[in-house]
N, C-alpha and C. Protein backbone atom coordinates (compact mmCIF):
# COMPACT_ATOMS: atom_id res chain seq x y z
N UNK A 1 30.51 -254.70 -156.79
CA UNK A 1 30.37 -253.55 -157.65
C UNK A 1 31.31 -252.46 -157.17
N UNK A 2 31.86 -251.74 -158.12
CA UNK A 2 32.70 -250.59 -157.83
C UNK A 2 32.04 -249.39 -158.49
N UNK A 3 31.69 -248.39 -157.68
CA UNK A 3 31.01 -247.21 -158.20
C UNK A 3 31.81 -245.96 -157.86
N UNK A 4 32.20 -245.22 -158.89
CA UNK A 4 32.87 -243.95 -158.66
C UNK A 4 31.87 -242.98 -158.05
N UNK A 5 32.34 -242.14 -157.15
CA UNK A 5 31.47 -241.19 -156.47
C UNK A 5 31.84 -239.77 -156.87
N UNK A 6 31.02 -239.17 -157.74
CA UNK A 6 31.15 -237.76 -158.09
C UNK A 6 29.75 -237.17 -158.06
N UNK A 7 29.67 -235.86 -158.00
CA UNK A 7 28.36 -235.20 -157.98
C UNK A 7 27.88 -234.97 -159.41
N UNK A 8 27.58 -236.07 -160.09
CA UNK A 8 27.05 -236.01 -161.45
C UNK A 8 26.42 -237.34 -161.79
N UNK A 9 25.42 -237.30 -162.62
CA UNK A 9 24.79 -238.53 -163.09
C UNK A 9 25.49 -239.05 -164.33
N UNK A 10 25.06 -240.21 -164.77
CA UNK A 10 25.63 -240.82 -165.97
C UNK A 10 26.98 -241.46 -165.75
N UNK A 11 27.31 -241.79 -164.50
CA UNK A 11 28.63 -242.35 -164.20
C UNK A 11 28.88 -243.68 -164.91
N UNK A 12 27.85 -244.52 -164.96
CA UNK A 12 28.02 -245.83 -165.58
C UNK A 12 28.38 -245.74 -167.05
N UNK A 13 27.87 -244.74 -167.73
CA UNK A 13 28.13 -244.57 -169.16
C UNK A 13 29.26 -243.58 -169.42
N UNK A 14 29.84 -243.04 -168.36
CA UNK A 14 30.92 -242.06 -168.51
C UNK A 14 32.22 -242.71 -168.97
N UNK A 15 33.22 -241.87 -169.18
CA UNK A 15 34.54 -242.35 -169.61
C UNK A 15 35.61 -241.54 -168.88
N UNK A 16 36.60 -242.24 -168.38
CA UNK A 16 37.73 -241.58 -167.73
C UNK A 16 38.67 -241.04 -168.79
N UNK A 17 39.31 -239.91 -168.49
CA UNK A 17 40.27 -239.35 -169.45
C UNK A 17 41.46 -240.28 -169.63
N UNK A 18 41.66 -241.20 -168.70
CA UNK A 18 42.74 -242.19 -168.81
C UNK A 18 42.41 -243.29 -169.82
N UNK A 19 41.12 -243.33 -170.25
CA UNK A 19 40.69 -244.35 -171.21
C UNK A 19 39.78 -245.41 -170.62
N UNK A 20 39.75 -245.55 -169.31
CA UNK A 20 38.87 -246.53 -168.68
C UNK A 20 37.43 -246.17 -168.99
N UNK A 21 36.67 -247.13 -169.47
CA UNK A 21 35.28 -246.90 -169.84
C UNK A 21 34.37 -247.19 -168.65
N UNK A 22 33.53 -246.23 -168.28
CA UNK A 22 32.52 -246.42 -167.25
C UNK A 22 32.99 -246.18 -165.84
N UNK A 23 32.13 -245.47 -165.08
CA UNK A 23 32.43 -245.19 -163.69
C UNK A 23 31.79 -246.15 -162.72
N UNK A 24 31.08 -247.17 -163.27
CA UNK A 24 30.48 -248.22 -162.47
C UNK A 24 30.87 -249.55 -163.10
N UNK A 25 31.45 -250.43 -162.30
CA UNK A 25 31.91 -251.73 -162.82
C UNK A 25 31.45 -252.87 -161.92
N UNK A 26 31.00 -253.92 -162.54
CA UNK A 26 30.72 -255.17 -161.83
C UNK A 26 31.98 -256.00 -161.99
N UNK A 27 32.60 -256.34 -160.87
CA UNK A 27 33.90 -257.02 -160.92
C UNK A 27 33.89 -258.27 -160.05
N UNK A 28 34.82 -259.14 -160.33
CA UNK A 28 35.06 -260.31 -159.48
C UNK A 28 35.87 -259.83 -158.28
N UNK A 29 35.81 -260.57 -157.21
CA UNK A 29 36.49 -260.17 -155.96
C UNK A 29 37.99 -259.91 -156.18
N UNK A 30 38.59 -260.63 -157.12
CA UNK A 30 40.02 -260.45 -157.38
C UNK A 30 40.33 -259.06 -157.95
N UNK A 31 39.34 -258.41 -158.55
CA UNK A 31 39.54 -257.10 -159.15
C UNK A 31 39.12 -255.96 -158.22
N UNK A 32 38.75 -256.29 -157.02
CA UNK A 32 38.22 -255.29 -156.09
C UNK A 32 39.26 -254.25 -155.68
N UNK A 33 40.53 -254.52 -155.90
CA UNK A 33 41.57 -253.51 -155.65
C UNK A 33 42.02 -252.85 -156.94
N UNK A 34 42.07 -253.61 -158.01
CA UNK A 34 42.59 -253.10 -159.28
C UNK A 34 41.71 -251.99 -159.87
N UNK A 35 40.42 -252.22 -159.97
CA UNK A 35 39.53 -251.25 -160.62
C UNK A 35 39.44 -249.94 -159.84
N UNK A 36 39.24 -249.97 -158.51
CA UNK A 36 39.24 -248.68 -157.79
C UNK A 36 40.54 -247.91 -157.98
N UNK A 37 41.65 -248.64 -158.06
CA UNK A 37 42.95 -248.00 -158.27
C UNK A 37 43.02 -247.27 -159.61
N UNK A 38 42.26 -247.77 -160.58
CA UNK A 38 42.21 -247.12 -161.89
C UNK A 38 41.25 -245.93 -161.92
N UNK A 39 40.38 -245.84 -160.92
CA UNK A 39 39.39 -244.75 -160.85
C UNK A 39 39.85 -243.59 -159.98
N UNK A 40 40.41 -243.93 -158.82
CA UNK A 40 40.77 -242.89 -157.84
C UNK A 40 41.80 -241.92 -158.40
N UNK A 41 41.53 -240.65 -158.24
CA UNK A 41 42.44 -239.61 -158.73
C UNK A 41 42.31 -239.32 -160.21
N UNK A 42 41.44 -240.06 -160.90
CA UNK A 42 41.27 -239.87 -162.34
C UNK A 42 40.03 -239.02 -162.61
N UNK A 43 39.99 -238.43 -163.79
CA UNK A 43 38.88 -237.57 -164.19
C UNK A 43 37.85 -238.38 -164.97
N UNK A 44 36.60 -238.36 -164.47
CA UNK A 44 35.49 -239.04 -165.12
C UNK A 44 34.63 -238.00 -165.84
N UNK A 45 34.41 -238.23 -167.12
CA UNK A 45 33.60 -237.33 -167.93
C UNK A 45 32.27 -238.01 -168.21
N UNK A 46 31.18 -237.33 -167.84
CA UNK A 46 29.83 -237.84 -168.12
C UNK A 46 29.07 -236.73 -168.84
N UNK A 47 27.86 -237.05 -169.30
CA UNK A 47 27.09 -236.01 -169.99
C UNK A 47 26.64 -234.90 -169.03
N UNK A 48 26.76 -235.12 -167.73
CA UNK A 48 26.41 -234.06 -166.78
C UNK A 48 27.62 -233.25 -166.30
N UNK A 49 28.82 -233.74 -166.50
CA UNK A 49 30.00 -233.00 -166.02
C UNK A 49 30.51 -231.99 -167.03
N UNK A 50 30.17 -232.19 -168.30
CA UNK A 50 30.80 -231.40 -169.35
C UNK A 50 32.15 -232.00 -169.67
N UNK A 51 32.84 -231.48 -170.64
CA UNK A 51 34.11 -232.08 -171.10
C UNK A 51 35.23 -232.03 -170.07
N UNK A 52 35.13 -231.13 -169.08
CA UNK A 52 36.19 -231.05 -168.06
C UNK A 52 36.14 -232.21 -167.08
N UNK A 53 34.96 -232.85 -166.93
CA UNK A 53 34.82 -233.98 -166.02
C UNK A 53 34.97 -233.61 -164.57
N UNK A 54 34.95 -234.63 -163.71
CA UNK A 54 35.16 -234.47 -162.27
C UNK A 54 36.17 -235.51 -161.80
N UNK A 55 37.04 -235.11 -160.90
CA UNK A 55 38.03 -236.03 -160.35
C UNK A 55 37.35 -236.94 -159.33
N UNK A 56 37.62 -238.23 -159.43
CA UNK A 56 37.06 -239.21 -158.49
C UNK A 56 37.98 -239.30 -157.29
N UNK A 57 37.46 -238.91 -156.13
CA UNK A 57 38.26 -239.01 -154.90
C UNK A 57 37.73 -240.10 -153.98
N UNK A 58 36.57 -240.67 -154.35
CA UNK A 58 35.98 -241.75 -153.55
C UNK A 58 35.35 -242.78 -154.47
N UNK A 59 35.40 -244.03 -154.05
CA UNK A 59 34.67 -245.09 -154.74
C UNK A 59 33.84 -245.83 -153.71
N UNK A 60 32.78 -246.42 -154.17
CA UNK A 60 31.88 -247.18 -153.31
C UNK A 60 31.97 -248.63 -153.73
N UNK A 61 32.26 -249.52 -152.79
CA UNK A 61 32.33 -250.95 -153.05
C UNK A 61 31.15 -251.62 -152.38
N UNK A 62 30.43 -252.43 -153.12
CA UNK A 62 29.31 -253.14 -152.52
C UNK A 62 29.11 -254.48 -153.22
N UNK A 63 28.43 -255.35 -152.54
CA UNK A 63 28.14 -256.66 -153.12
C UNK A 63 27.00 -256.52 -154.11
N UNK A 64 27.16 -257.12 -155.27
CA UNK A 64 26.10 -257.11 -156.28
C UNK A 64 25.03 -258.11 -155.86
N UNK A 65 23.79 -257.69 -155.96
CA UNK A 65 22.67 -258.58 -155.69
C UNK A 65 21.81 -258.67 -156.94
N UNK A 66 21.11 -259.76 -157.07
CA UNK A 66 20.20 -259.92 -158.20
C UNK A 66 18.90 -259.23 -157.86
N UNK A 67 18.43 -258.42 -158.78
CA UNK A 67 17.19 -257.67 -158.57
C UNK A 67 16.04 -258.36 -159.28
N UNK A 68 14.89 -258.35 -158.64
CA UNK A 68 13.68 -258.87 -159.26
C UNK A 68 13.20 -257.87 -160.29
N UNK A 69 13.26 -256.60 -159.94
CA UNK A 69 12.83 -255.52 -160.83
C UNK A 69 13.67 -254.30 -160.50
N UNK A 70 14.13 -253.62 -161.52
CA UNK A 70 14.94 -252.43 -161.30
C UNK A 70 14.02 -251.20 -161.25
N UNK A 71 14.18 -250.41 -160.20
CA UNK A 71 13.44 -249.17 -160.01
C UNK A 71 14.46 -248.08 -159.70
N UNK A 72 13.98 -246.85 -159.64
CA UNK A 72 14.85 -245.74 -159.28
C UNK A 72 14.24 -244.99 -158.10
N UNK A 73 15.07 -244.66 -157.12
CA UNK A 73 14.64 -243.95 -155.93
C UNK A 73 15.78 -243.05 -155.48
N UNK A 74 15.49 -241.77 -155.29
CA UNK A 74 16.51 -240.86 -154.77
C UNK A 74 15.85 -239.81 -153.90
N UNK A 75 16.54 -239.44 -152.86
CA UNK A 75 16.18 -238.27 -152.07
C UNK A 75 17.33 -237.30 -152.27
N UNK A 76 17.00 -236.10 -152.69
CA UNK A 76 18.03 -235.12 -152.97
C UNK A 76 17.57 -233.75 -152.48
N UNK A 77 18.45 -232.79 -152.53
CA UNK A 77 18.08 -231.43 -152.16
C UNK A 77 17.66 -230.70 -153.42
N UNK A 78 16.48 -230.09 -153.38
CA UNK A 78 15.91 -229.43 -154.54
C UNK A 78 16.13 -227.93 -154.44
N UNK A 79 16.75 -227.35 -155.45
CA UNK A 79 17.02 -225.91 -155.43
C UNK A 79 15.72 -225.10 -155.51
N UNK A 80 14.73 -225.61 -156.23
CA UNK A 80 13.48 -224.88 -156.42
C UNK A 80 12.73 -224.70 -155.11
N UNK A 81 12.59 -225.79 -154.35
CA UNK A 81 11.83 -225.72 -153.09
C UNK A 81 12.73 -225.46 -151.88
N UNK A 82 14.04 -225.50 -152.10
CA UNK A 82 15.03 -225.33 -151.02
C UNK A 82 14.81 -226.36 -149.92
N UNK A 83 14.44 -227.56 -150.31
CA UNK A 83 14.22 -228.63 -149.35
C UNK A 83 14.40 -229.99 -150.00
N UNK A 84 14.17 -231.05 -149.24
CA UNK A 84 14.32 -232.40 -149.76
C UNK A 84 13.25 -232.73 -150.80
N UNK A 85 13.64 -233.52 -151.78
CA UNK A 85 12.74 -233.95 -152.83
C UNK A 85 12.98 -235.43 -153.08
N UNK A 86 11.91 -236.23 -153.06
CA UNK A 86 12.03 -237.64 -153.41
C UNK A 86 11.63 -237.77 -154.87
N UNK A 87 12.50 -238.41 -155.63
CA UNK A 87 12.24 -238.68 -157.05
C UNK A 87 12.25 -240.19 -157.20
N UNK A 88 11.22 -240.71 -157.86
CA UNK A 88 11.12 -242.16 -158.01
C UNK A 88 10.56 -242.50 -159.39
N UNK A 89 10.91 -243.70 -159.86
CA UNK A 89 10.40 -244.18 -161.14
C UNK A 89 10.33 -245.70 -161.08
N UNK A 90 9.22 -246.25 -161.57
CA UNK A 90 9.05 -247.70 -161.51
C UNK A 90 9.86 -248.43 -162.57
N UNK A 91 10.49 -247.70 -163.47
CA UNK A 91 11.34 -248.30 -164.48
C UNK A 91 12.78 -247.93 -164.22
N UNK A 92 13.67 -248.89 -164.29
CA UNK A 92 15.11 -248.77 -164.17
C UNK A 92 15.73 -247.46 -163.73
N UNK A 93 17.01 -247.51 -163.46
CA UNK A 93 17.67 -246.34 -162.93
C UNK A 93 18.98 -245.96 -163.58
N UNK A 94 19.58 -246.85 -164.37
CA UNK A 94 20.90 -246.53 -164.88
C UNK A 94 20.87 -245.42 -165.92
N UNK A 95 19.78 -245.23 -166.61
CA UNK A 95 19.64 -244.14 -167.58
C UNK A 95 18.41 -243.31 -167.24
N UNK A 96 18.28 -242.97 -165.98
CA UNK A 96 17.09 -242.27 -165.51
C UNK A 96 16.94 -240.92 -166.20
N UNK A 97 18.04 -240.25 -166.52
CA UNK A 97 17.94 -238.95 -167.18
C UNK A 97 17.30 -239.09 -168.55
N UNK A 98 17.69 -240.14 -169.30
CA UNK A 98 17.10 -240.38 -170.63
C UNK A 98 15.62 -240.72 -170.51
N UNK A 99 15.29 -241.54 -169.53
CA UNK A 99 13.89 -241.92 -169.31
C UNK A 99 13.05 -240.69 -168.96
N UNK A 100 13.59 -239.82 -168.11
CA UNK A 100 12.88 -238.61 -167.71
C UNK A 100 12.65 -237.69 -168.91
N UNK A 101 13.60 -237.66 -169.82
CA UNK A 101 13.46 -236.81 -171.00
C UNK A 101 12.39 -237.35 -171.96
N UNK A 102 12.39 -238.68 -172.15
CA UNK A 102 11.45 -239.30 -173.10
C UNK A 102 10.05 -239.49 -172.52
N UNK A 103 9.97 -239.82 -171.23
CA UNK A 103 8.70 -240.12 -170.59
C UNK A 103 8.60 -239.40 -169.24
N UNK A 104 8.48 -238.07 -169.26
CA UNK A 104 8.49 -237.32 -168.00
C UNK A 104 7.35 -237.69 -167.04
N UNK A 105 6.25 -238.19 -167.56
CA UNK A 105 5.12 -238.56 -166.69
C UNK A 105 5.42 -239.78 -165.83
N UNK A 106 6.46 -240.54 -166.18
CA UNK A 106 6.82 -241.72 -165.38
C UNK A 106 7.57 -241.35 -164.11
N UNK A 107 8.10 -240.15 -164.06
CA UNK A 107 8.92 -239.72 -162.92
C UNK A 107 8.01 -239.12 -161.85
N UNK A 108 8.09 -239.66 -160.64
CA UNK A 108 7.33 -239.18 -159.51
C UNK A 108 8.22 -238.23 -158.71
N UNK A 109 7.70 -237.06 -158.40
CA UNK A 109 8.45 -236.10 -157.58
C UNK A 109 7.60 -235.71 -156.39
N UNK A 110 8.12 -235.95 -155.19
CA UNK A 110 7.39 -235.64 -153.97
C UNK A 110 8.27 -234.74 -153.09
N UNK A 111 7.97 -233.44 -153.06
CA UNK A 111 8.72 -232.55 -152.17
C UNK A 111 8.33 -232.81 -150.72
N UNK A 112 9.31 -232.74 -149.84
CA UNK A 112 9.07 -232.97 -148.41
C UNK A 112 9.20 -231.65 -147.67
N UNK A 113 8.20 -231.32 -146.90
CA UNK A 113 8.22 -230.11 -146.09
C UNK A 113 9.26 -230.29 -144.99
N UNK A 114 10.27 -229.47 -145.00
CA UNK A 114 11.38 -229.61 -144.06
C UNK A 114 10.94 -229.40 -142.61
N UNK A 115 9.85 -228.67 -142.41
CA UNK A 115 9.38 -228.42 -141.05
C UNK A 115 8.49 -229.56 -140.53
N UNK A 116 7.68 -230.16 -141.41
CA UNK A 116 6.80 -231.26 -141.00
C UNK A 116 7.50 -232.61 -141.11
N UNK A 117 8.46 -232.71 -141.98
CA UNK A 117 9.08 -234.01 -142.24
C UNK A 117 8.21 -234.84 -143.16
N UNK A 118 8.60 -236.06 -143.39
CA UNK A 118 7.85 -236.92 -144.31
C UNK A 118 6.58 -237.44 -143.62
N UNK A 119 5.49 -237.41 -144.34
CA UNK A 119 4.22 -237.90 -143.81
C UNK A 119 3.88 -239.25 -144.44
N UNK A 120 2.90 -239.92 -143.87
CA UNK A 120 2.43 -241.17 -144.47
C UNK A 120 1.92 -240.91 -145.88
N UNK A 121 1.27 -239.77 -146.09
CA UNK A 121 0.75 -239.41 -147.41
C UNK A 121 1.90 -239.24 -148.42
N UNK A 122 2.97 -238.56 -148.01
CA UNK A 122 4.14 -238.39 -148.88
C UNK A 122 4.70 -239.75 -149.28
N UNK A 123 4.92 -240.59 -148.29
CA UNK A 123 5.50 -241.92 -148.54
C UNK A 123 4.58 -242.76 -149.43
N UNK A 124 3.27 -242.63 -149.23
CA UNK A 124 2.31 -243.38 -150.05
C UNK A 124 2.36 -242.92 -151.51
N UNK A 125 2.53 -241.61 -151.75
CA UNK A 125 2.67 -241.11 -153.12
C UNK A 125 3.88 -241.74 -153.81
N UNK A 126 4.99 -241.83 -153.08
CA UNK A 126 6.20 -242.44 -153.63
C UNK A 126 5.93 -243.91 -153.95
N UNK A 127 5.36 -244.60 -153.01
CA UNK A 127 5.07 -246.03 -153.19
C UNK A 127 4.11 -246.24 -154.36
N UNK A 128 3.09 -245.42 -154.48
CA UNK A 128 2.14 -245.54 -155.59
C UNK A 128 2.84 -245.34 -156.93
N UNK A 129 3.80 -244.42 -156.96
CA UNK A 129 4.55 -244.17 -158.18
C UNK A 129 5.47 -245.32 -158.56
N UNK A 130 6.02 -245.98 -157.57
CA UNK A 130 6.89 -247.13 -157.82
C UNK A 130 6.10 -248.37 -158.19
N UNK A 131 4.89 -248.46 -157.67
CA UNK A 131 3.98 -249.59 -157.93
C UNK A 131 4.63 -250.95 -157.72
N UNK A 132 5.31 -251.15 -156.58
CA UNK A 132 5.91 -252.47 -156.34
C UNK A 132 4.84 -253.49 -155.96
N UNK A 133 5.16 -254.74 -156.18
CA UNK A 133 4.26 -255.81 -155.73
C UNK A 133 4.69 -256.18 -154.32
N UNK A 134 4.00 -255.62 -153.34
CA UNK A 134 4.37 -255.85 -151.94
C UNK A 134 3.20 -256.47 -151.19
N UNK A 135 3.55 -257.32 -150.28
CA UNK A 135 2.52 -257.95 -149.45
C UNK A 135 2.06 -257.02 -148.34
N UNK A 136 2.95 -256.17 -147.86
CA UNK A 136 2.63 -255.31 -146.72
C UNK A 136 2.86 -253.85 -147.09
N UNK A 137 1.80 -253.19 -147.52
CA UNK A 137 1.90 -251.79 -147.94
C UNK A 137 2.36 -250.89 -146.79
N UNK A 138 1.84 -251.11 -145.60
CA UNK A 138 2.21 -250.29 -144.44
C UNK A 138 3.71 -250.39 -144.16
N UNK A 139 4.27 -251.59 -144.27
CA UNK A 139 5.72 -251.77 -144.03
C UNK A 139 6.53 -251.05 -145.11
N UNK A 140 6.05 -251.05 -146.35
CA UNK A 140 6.75 -250.36 -147.43
C UNK A 140 6.71 -248.84 -147.24
N UNK A 141 5.58 -248.34 -146.78
CA UNK A 141 5.48 -246.91 -146.47
C UNK A 141 6.46 -246.55 -145.36
N UNK A 142 6.55 -247.39 -144.34
CA UNK A 142 7.51 -247.16 -143.26
C UNK A 142 8.95 -247.19 -143.78
N UNK A 143 9.23 -248.05 -144.75
CA UNK A 143 10.58 -248.13 -145.33
C UNK A 143 10.95 -246.82 -146.03
N UNK A 144 10.01 -246.24 -146.78
CA UNK A 144 10.26 -244.95 -147.43
C UNK A 144 10.55 -243.90 -146.36
N UNK A 145 9.78 -243.90 -145.29
CA UNK A 145 9.98 -242.93 -144.21
C UNK A 145 11.34 -243.14 -143.53
N UNK A 146 11.74 -244.39 -143.36
CA UNK A 146 13.05 -244.68 -142.75
C UNK A 146 14.19 -244.18 -143.65
N UNK A 147 14.04 -244.34 -144.96
CA UNK A 147 15.07 -243.84 -145.88
C UNK A 147 15.16 -242.32 -145.80
N UNK A 148 14.02 -241.66 -145.69
CA UNK A 148 14.03 -240.19 -145.53
C UNK A 148 14.72 -239.82 -144.21
N UNK A 149 14.40 -240.52 -143.15
CA UNK A 149 15.02 -240.22 -141.85
C UNK A 149 16.52 -240.46 -141.88
N UNK A 150 16.97 -241.49 -142.61
CA UNK A 150 18.41 -241.71 -142.78
C UNK A 150 19.03 -240.52 -143.51
N UNK A 151 18.39 -240.07 -144.57
CA UNK A 151 18.84 -238.90 -145.33
C UNK A 151 18.99 -237.68 -144.41
N UNK A 152 17.98 -237.42 -143.62
CA UNK A 152 17.96 -236.26 -142.74
C UNK A 152 18.97 -236.38 -141.60
N UNK A 153 18.97 -237.51 -140.93
CA UNK A 153 19.84 -237.69 -139.76
C UNK A 153 21.32 -237.75 -140.15
N UNK A 154 21.61 -238.19 -141.35
CA UNK A 154 23.00 -238.28 -141.81
C UNK A 154 23.44 -237.02 -142.53
N UNK A 155 22.54 -236.04 -142.63
CA UNK A 155 22.83 -234.77 -143.30
C UNK A 155 23.31 -235.00 -144.73
N UNK A 156 22.61 -235.89 -145.42
CA UNK A 156 22.97 -236.23 -146.80
C UNK A 156 22.62 -235.10 -147.76
N UNK A 157 23.31 -235.08 -148.87
CA UNK A 157 22.90 -234.24 -149.99
C UNK A 157 22.14 -235.09 -151.00
N UNK A 158 22.37 -236.40 -150.96
CA UNK A 158 21.65 -237.32 -151.84
C UNK A 158 21.72 -238.73 -151.29
N UNK A 159 20.60 -239.44 -151.40
CA UNK A 159 20.51 -240.86 -151.03
C UNK A 159 19.83 -241.53 -152.22
N UNK A 160 20.50 -242.51 -152.81
CA UNK A 160 20.03 -243.06 -154.08
C UNK A 160 20.04 -244.58 -154.06
N UNK A 161 19.04 -245.17 -154.73
CA UNK A 161 18.98 -246.62 -154.88
C UNK A 161 18.40 -246.94 -156.24
N UNK A 162 18.94 -247.98 -156.88
CA UNK A 162 18.47 -248.39 -158.20
C UNK A 162 17.68 -249.69 -158.15
N UNK A 163 17.65 -250.34 -157.02
CA UNK A 163 17.02 -251.65 -156.96
C UNK A 163 15.67 -251.64 -156.31
N UNK A 164 15.09 -252.81 -156.24
CA UNK A 164 13.78 -252.92 -155.59
C UNK A 164 13.85 -253.77 -154.35
N UNK A 165 15.04 -253.97 -153.82
CA UNK A 165 15.17 -254.80 -152.63
C UNK A 165 14.64 -254.11 -151.38
N UNK A 166 14.43 -252.80 -151.43
CA UNK A 166 13.87 -252.08 -150.29
C UNK A 166 12.37 -252.32 -150.16
N UNK A 167 11.69 -252.60 -151.30
CA UNK A 167 10.24 -252.65 -151.28
C UNK A 167 9.74 -254.03 -151.66
């Protein structure tokens, strides 16, 4: 997979001003150089960037895996609480903004107290919202906590996943 990296959502459905459709592409290994070359330095326009778009200065390359179920999970910085916020949804992630607009009750939001850090209760709320079929609930709660710790220790502004391979 080749994913353009800009600070805006809707990249997969976006369009480059050069004409290339989509900021996320599933490609064969032979195209792993060609497609990023068409993205880097180009302007990607999404419904979150406005018509001016954002220039892509980084791309993310990763191996595509088959998912049993698509979920959405992100840790981001929340302007309202001035701290980390975990947002999760048990239904897909590629059009999470549309899903949030149509079915806002499906979106789980768990603010994390920056002074206390993530608690077992916080992680359990996230897990309950995702409702994965897991054999080991305690291990899944620990996984949510590890993702938060990665976010914090790496000084991230956002950590995002669309799959269910974590849980």
